[in-house]
């Protein structure tokens, strides 16, 4: 990511001379082509991640050279009016960028809702339809057992045990794919159920604490559940942790969720920049939080464990 000092350096060395030249030209002739260039300056500033306050500061500096010149009141009003028009045109590029981002977020939110509906349908199909087939298989085996030799019965009992094992795995897969407890009871019970299943399979102790006392909006519950699910997947695959702690609480109108492990840690910038599964998992968490107007922070160092911090505003 580009740091603020780098943005300021780009601003001073790249945009400043051009901005002053175009603004002074517009104040002199009020030409439409200068307004078009003002928009291009705004677009360039937006693309370089230069903030609005920095643009305002640049605008004031560009006007400073004109303040020492003696002007009558009419001329002062004219400069104020034209400079305001120029700055408005610069900011129009920022407004278009903001609207485009807003539209993208809405599209991603709609896409996530569609994906969750499809995941829910698949989970129910796995649980209900596959379960019915397994029940039918059990009934068929039971019927065969009654009409076969003792030796064959032993082999059929083995098949029954395999079917029971498959049934348990399918039930677990269905619940993790889209746990009914998330819809029925909410985020905290769903995360506890998820943590319990992972602990049972891997032997990794996962402690879940929460001070939340009520249900959250469905979009927030789903988004945070998926983020925690991905975080725990990363822990079990990469961290070599001995324990994990998940905490959920509300702070000043924001839901705060942390996932902390005592594993080997990693370099967050390197992980986010790579194209492998680890990097894509972190990027996926970030995108889910972006849709909820939330933030995602990573605190990690090699050999010192990792803490993931998810913040989601309730008013989002």
Foldseek 3Di string as FASTA:
>chain_A
DDDPVNLVVCCVPPVLVVVLVLLVVCLVPVDVVSLVVLLVSLLVSVVSVNDPVSVVVSLVVSCVVVPVDDDDPVSVVSSVVRSVSSSVSSCVSVVVVVVVLVVVLVVVLVVVVVVLVVLLVVLVCLLPVVVVVLVVVVVVLVVVLVPDDPVVVVVSVVVNVVSVVVNVVSNVVSCLSPNVCCVVPHQQVSVVVVQVVVCVVQVAAEAEEEPDDDHAPSLVSVLVNLLVNLVVVCCSPPFPFNYWYWYWYDDPQKIKIKIWTQGQWDDLVVLCPDDDPSNVSVVVNQSSLVSQVKHWDWDTDGNGTIMIMIIGGRVD
